[in-house]
Amino acid sequence: MKTTGVIRRIDELGRIVIPKEIRKNLRIKNGESLEIFVEGDSVILKKFSQIESLENVSVNYVEVFNQIIKHNIIVTDRDKVVAVSGPLKKKYLNKEISEFTERSIERRDSFSEKQKKEFKIIKEEEENGYYTFASIVNNGDAIGSVIIISTDVPITDVEDKMCIILSKLLSNSLPE
């Protein structure tokens, strides 16, 4: 376990402040949930991802949708890619999302790029092609996204709608 050298007191209500620099490095935003684990005499905090709990369902959905539309399909939470189908799978799976993707999720965006252009879904990789994007929103919280990417042919209106349908299916599959 990595030490930070930071010591904090617990207040009378049992609260502790996580230093801003640590929150920034781990991309923990106000209002986000953390899971609390106990391991021996250590208390471990982990960012909670509702989408991560749906990882198996996400993988199954993207594989089925990929059989129909034959494009790359990506599902993200607010930090990383959690499911991918298509040729981009090895390049994208478990990679940290780009600021563009993060902002689009925060804004609860749903859009389609009909002109071929360069875009960046994850931090390390730039693609050139067409894509459609739909945020996954559950109980008013933006928790992730579904992205369909085509590197050679434009995304059709039907595929655009399928992206939105998949985002709603994933949202409805989350526990209340």
Foldseek 3Di string as FASTA:
>chain_A
DDDDPDDWDQDPVRDTDDDPVVCVVVVPDPPFDWDWDDDPPDIDTHGDALVLVVLVVLQVVQVVVCVVPVWWKWKWWLFATRYIDDPCGVVGHGAGFDPVQNVCLQVQDWAWFQDWQWDGGGDPDIATFIKTKGFQAAPNHGTIIMMTTDRPHGDDPVNSVVRNVSSPVSNVPGDD
